[in-house]
Amino acid sequence: MADGRLEIARNDFCDAFEQDADRLFSARECWYCKYGDFGIFTEHPTQNGVCRYKPIKQEEENE
């Protein structure tokens, strides 16, 4: 966690994985998950990203 965000690497994964509909290929990795934000639709995608899965953030905020 950094700045209240869950930082992830492209090959990380969790039980909340859901295929990103915009991806043609799929692997059970954050890089292909609809919750992983790696800036893939920008000019500068990154190897590390941020998880946008809301229940995770809500649980951590309640702790």
Protein backbone atom coordinates (compact mmCIF):
# COMPACT_ATOMS: atom_id res chain seq x y z
CA MET A 1 0.00 0.00 0.00
CA ALA A 2 1.26 3.44 -0.87
CA ASP A 3 -0.81 6.60 -0.52
CA GLY A 4 -3.87 4.48 0.31
CA ARG A 5 -3.57 2.54 -2.95
CA LEU A 6 -2.82 -1.15 -3.38
CA GLU A 7 0.22 -1.33 -5.67
CA ILE A 8 0.43 -4.43 -7.87
CA ALA A 9 2.83 -5.97 -10.37
CA ARG A 10 1.59 -7.20 -13.74
CA ASN A 11 2.00 -10.89 -12.81
CA ASP A 12 0.31 -10.60 -9.38
CA PHE A 13 -3.18 -12.10 -9.04
CA CYS A 14 -5.96 -12.61 -6.50
CA ASP A 15 -9.34 -14.32 -6.10
CA ALA A 16 -11.15 -11.21 -7.40
CA PHE A 17 -9.71 -11.65 -10.92
CA GLU A 18 -12.13 -10.76 -13.69
CA GLN A 19 -11.10 -10.67 -17.32
CA ASP A 20 -10.71 -7.20 -18.81
CA ALA A 21 -13.16 -7.19 -21.73
CA ASP A 22 -10.77 -5.06 -23.81
CA ARG A 23 -8.05 -7.73 -23.74
CA LEU A 24 -7.91 -10.37 -26.47
CA PHE A 25 -5.61 -12.67 -24.50
CA SER A 26 -6.16 -13.69 -20.89
CA ALA A 27 -4.04 -15.04 -18.11
CA ARG A 28 -4.90 -15.05 -14.42
CA GLU A 29 -2.70 -12.03 -13.73
CA CYS A 30 -3.44 -8.45 -12.68
CA TRP A 31 -2.21 -7.26 -16.10
CA TYR A 32 -5.30 -8.90 -17.69
CA CYS A 33 -7.75 -8.08 -14.88
CA LYS A 34 -10.40 -5.39 -15.24
CA TYR A 35 -9.40 -4.02 -11.81
CA GLY A 36 -5.70 -3.61 -12.63
CA ASP A 37 -4.73 -0.11 -13.71
CA PHE A 38 -1.43 -0.16 -15.59
CA GLY A 39 -2.12 2.67 -18.01
CA ILE A 40 -2.28 0.19 -20.89
CA PHE A 41 -4.40 2.50 -23.02
CA THR A 42 -1.96 5.40 -22.67
CA GLU A 43 1.33 6.09 -24.43
CA HIS A 44 3.30 4.92 -21.38
CA PRO A 45 2.01 1.66 -19.85
CA THR A 46 3.82 0.57 -16.71
CA GLN A 47 5.00 -2.74 -15.25
CA ASN A 48 3.52 -1.84 -11.84
CA GLY A 49 -0.01 -0.59 -11.34
CA VAL A 50 -2.80 -0.03 -8.88
CA CYS A 51 -5.68 -2.35 -8.00
CA ARG A 52 -9.08 -0.68 -8.37
CA TYR A 53 -11.09 -3.47 -6.72
CA LYS A 54 -13.35 -1.47 -4.40
CA PRO A 55 -14.20 -4.09 -1.73
CA ILE A 56 -10.47 -4.41 -0.96
CA LYS A 57 -10.14 -0.68 -0.47
CA GLN A 58 -13.28 -0.50 1.67
CA GLU A 59 -12.11 -3.32 3.96
CA GLU A 60 -8.70 -1.69 4.44
CA GLU A 61 -10.29 1.69 5.21
CA ASN A 62 -12.41 0.07 7.94
CA GLU A 63 -9.37 -1.39 9.72
